[in-house]
Amino acid sequence: MTTMKDVEREFQSVGQRRGGVLFLTPNDAIHMVNRAREENIRVLGIDGFFLRPSETEPSLEHSIDLSLPGQSPADSWEVAQRFLERYLNSSMHFEVVLE
């Protein structure tokens, strides 16, 4: 059985790790959401960040909470993908929080 930690490990080589958090480009974050879908692992949220050489700045404006009670895993994958697609041409990085 594949866990959220297994899925996260698959993306370590394409992401940046800072302070124990894996940051992904929008495209790589979409791929991670798709892997979660394949393994039936729910997306709990996506947090947006501006990564600079000497700082990591979170952006609540570019984040989404998908951990609402009663929300199905399928809904979380669809909403997460649509959310990330808005940032494909940006320099934002994202933490994908899986269940």
C-alpha atoms as a PDB file:
ATOM      1  CA  MET A   1       0.000   0.000   0.000  1.00  0.00           C
ATOM      2  CA  THR A   2       1.392   3.360  -1.052  1.00  0.00           C
ATOM      3  CA  THR A   3       1.295   6.084   1.608  1.00  0.00           C
ATOM      4  CA  MET A   4       1.456   9.850   1.361  1.00  0.00           C
ATOM      5  CA  LYS A   5       5.113   9.644   2.446  1.00  0.00           C
ATOM      6  CA  ASP A   6       5.823   7.298  -0.490  1.00  0.00           C
ATOM      7  CA  VAL A   7       4.209   9.729  -2.929  1.00  0.00           C
ATOM      8  CA  GLU A   8       6.142  12.649  -1.436  1.00  0.00           C
ATOM      9  CA  ARG A   9       9.421  10.707  -1.767  1.00  0.00           C
ATOM     10  CA  GLU A  10       8.725  10.215  -5.486  1.00  0.00           C
ATOM     11  CA  PHE A  11       8.853  13.997  -5.947  1.00  0.00           C
ATOM     12  CA  GLN A  12      11.930  14.829  -3.849  1.00  0.00           C
ATOM     13  CA  SER A  13      14.202  14.899  -6.881  1.00  0.00           C
ATOM     14  CA  VAL A  14      12.115  17.547  -8.680  1.00  0.00           C
ATOM     15  CA  GLY A  15      11.245  19.712  -5.670  1.00  0.00           C
ATOM     16  CA  GLN A  16      13.122  21.895  -3.228  1.00  0.00           C
ATOM     17  CA  ARG A  17      13.188  20.988   0.444  1.00  0.00           C
ATOM     18  CA  ARG A  18      13.400  23.814   2.973  1.00  0.00           C
ATOM     19  CA  GLY A  19      12.804  23.361   6.671  1.00  0.00           C
ATOM     20  CA  GLY A  20      11.509  19.854   6.075  1.00  0.00           C
ATOM     21  CA  VAL A  21       8.849  21.002   3.599  1.00  0.00           C
ATOM     22  CA  LEU A  22       8.866  19.887  -0.037  1.00  0.00           C
ATOM     23  CA  PHE A  23       8.122  22.758  -2.440  1.00  0.00           C
ATOM     24  CA  LEU A  24       7.058  22.008  -6.013  1.00  0.00           C
ATOM     25  CA  THR A  25       6.484  24.046  -9.140  1.00  0.00           C
ATOM     26  CA  PRO A  26       2.830  24.215 -10.216  1.00  0.00           C
ATOM     27  CA  ASN A  27       3.407  21.575 -12.904  1.00  0.00           C
ATOM     28  CA  ASP A  28       5.119  19.172 -10.506  1.00  0.00           C
ATOM     29  CA  ALA A  29       2.429  19.816  -7.889  1.00  0.00           C
ATOM     30  CA  ILE A  30      -0.214  18.809 -10.465  1.00  0.00           C
ATOM     31  CA  HIS A  31       1.733  15.611 -11.118  1.00  0.00           C
ATOM     32  CA  MET A  32       1.776  14.941  -7.369  1.00  0.00           C
ATOM     33  CA  VAL A  33      -1.995  15.451  -7.166  1.00  0.00           C
ATOM     34  CA  ASN A  34      -2.403  12.975 -10.032  1.00  0.00           C
ATOM     35  CA  ARG A  35      -0.206  10.424  -8.215  1.00  0.00           C
ATOM     36  CA  ALA A  36      -2.328  10.902  -5.098  1.00  0.00           C
ATOM     37  CA  ARG A  37      -5.412  10.249  -7.234  1.00  0.00           C
ATOM     38  CA  GLU A  38      -3.856   7.035  -8.598  1.00  0.00           C
ATOM     39  CA  GLU A  39      -3.223   5.851  -5.035  1.00  0.00           C
ATOM     40  CA  ASN A  40      -6.587   7.092  -3.705  1.00  0.00           C
ATOM     41  CA  ILE A  41      -4.874   9.503  -1.288  1.00  0.00           C
ATOM     42  CA  ARG A  42      -6.878  12.627  -0.532  1.00  0.00           C
ATOM     43  CA  VAL A  43      -5.406  16.129  -0.943  1.00  0.00           C
ATOM     44  CA  LEU A  44      -5.983  18.077   2.275  1.00  0.00           C
ATOM     45  CA  GLY A  45      -4.640  21.384   1.050  1.00  0.00           C
ATOM     46  CA  ILE A  46      -2.192  23.312  -1.088  1.00  0.00           C
ATOM     47  CA  ASP A  47      -0.045  26.099   0.323  1.00  0.00           C
ATOM     48  CA  GLY A  48       1.566  28.664  -1.957  1.00  0.00           C
ATOM     49  CA  PHE A  49       5.000  30.152  -1.336  1.00  0.00           C
ATOM     50  CA  PHE A  50       7.388  32.649  -2.848  1.00  0.00           C
ATOM     51  CA  LEU A  51      10.851  31.078  -2.703  1.00  0.00           C
ATOM     52  CA  ARG A  52      13.743  33.520  -2.669  1.00  0.00           C
ATOM     53  CA  PRO A  53      17.434  32.776  -2.160  1.00  0.00           C
ATOM     54  CA  SER A  54      17.404  33.791   1.502  1.00  0.00           C
ATOM     55  CA  GLU A  55      13.712  33.483   2.448  1.00  0.00           C
ATOM     56  CA  THR A  56      10.573  31.413   2.081  1.00  0.00           C
ATOM     57  CA  GLU A  57       7.457  33.576   2.138  1.00  0.00           C
ATOM     58  CA  PRO A  58       4.068  31.871   2.566  1.00  0.00           C
ATOM     59  CA  SER A  59       1.080  33.292   0.742  1.00  0.00           C
ATOM     60  CA  LEU A  60      -2.380  32.661   2.177  1.00  0.00           C
ATOM     61  CA  GLU A  61      -3.795  34.292  -0.943  1.00  0.00           C
ATOM     62  CA  HIS A  62      -2.267  31.472  -3.005  1.00  0.00           C
ATOM     63  CA  SER A  63      -3.351  28.612  -0.738  1.00  0.00           C
ATOM     64  CA  ILE A  64      -6.432  26.420  -0.490  1.00  0.00           C
ATOM     65  CA  ASP A  65      -7.873  24.259   2.300  1.00  0.00           C
ATOM     66  CA  LEU A  66      -9.442  21.030   1.039  1.00  0.00           C
ATOM     67  CA  SER A  67      -9.858  19.330   4.417  1.00  0.00           C
ATOM     68  CA  LEU A  68     -13.551  20.135   4.792  1.00  0.00           C
ATOM     69  CA  PRO A  69     -15.629  17.377   6.386  1.00  0.00           C
ATOM     70  CA  GLY A  70     -17.694  15.417   3.899  1.00  0.00           C
ATOM     71  CA  GLN A  71     -15.567  16.340   0.897  1.00  0.00           C
ATOM     72  CA  SER A  72     -14.754  13.293  -1.189  1.00  0.00           C
ATOM     73  CA  PRO A  73     -11.204  12.466  -2.305  1.00  0.00           C
ATOM     74  CA  ALA A  74     -12.342  12.887  -5.926  1.00  0.00           C
ATOM     75  CA  ASP A  75     -13.489  16.431  -5.184  1.00  0.00           C
ATOM     76  CA  SER A  76     -10.145  17.226  -3.563  1.00  0.00           C
ATOM     77  CA  TRP A  77      -8.200  16.060  -6.629  1.00  0.00           C
ATOM     78  CA  GLU A  78     -10.344  18.012  -9.076  1.00  0.00           C
ATOM     79  CA  VAL A  79     -10.314  21.230  -7.050  1.00  0.00           C
ATOM     80  CA  ALA A  80      -6.564  20.929  -6.407  1.00  0.00           C
ATOM     81  CA  GLN A  81      -5.788  20.460 -10.088  1.00  0.00           C
ATOM     82  CA  ARG A  82      -7.945  23.414 -11.190  1.00  0.00           C
ATOM     83  CA  PHE A  83      -6.369  25.573  -8.462  1.00  0.00           C
ATOM     84  CA  LEU A  84      -2.802  24.714  -9.538  1.00  0.00           C
ATOM     85  CA  GLU A  85      -3.531  25.182 -13.251  1.00  0.00           C
ATOM     86  CA  ARG A  86      -4.078  28.891 -12.558  1.00  0.00           C
ATOM     87  CA  TYR A  87      -0.389  29.163 -11.600  1.00  0.00           C
ATOM     88  CA  LEU A  88       1.258  27.225 -14.448  1.00  0.00           C
ATOM     89  CA  ASN A  89       2.957  30.355 -15.787  1.00  0.00           C
ATOM     90  CA  SER A  90       3.994  31.717 -12.398  1.00  0.00           C
ATOM     91  CA  SER A  91       7.111  31.434 -10.280  1.00  0.00           C
ATOM     92  CA  MET A  92       5.091  30.254  -7.258  1.00  0.00           C
ATOM     93  CA  HIS A  93       5.982  27.035  -5.454  1.00  0.00           C
ATOM     94  CA  PHE A  94       3.541  24.840  -3.582  1.00  0.00           C
ATOM     95  CA  GLU A  95       3.405  22.401  -0.727  1.00  0.00           C
ATOM     96  CA  VAL A  96       0.830  19.695  -1.440  1.00  0.00           C
ATOM     97  CA  VAL A  97      -0.575  18.342   1.837  1.00  0.00           C
ATOM     98  CA  LEU A  98      -1.804  14.762   1.514  1.00  0.00           C
ATOM     99  CA  GLU A  99      -3.864  12.696   3.946  1.00  0.00           C
END
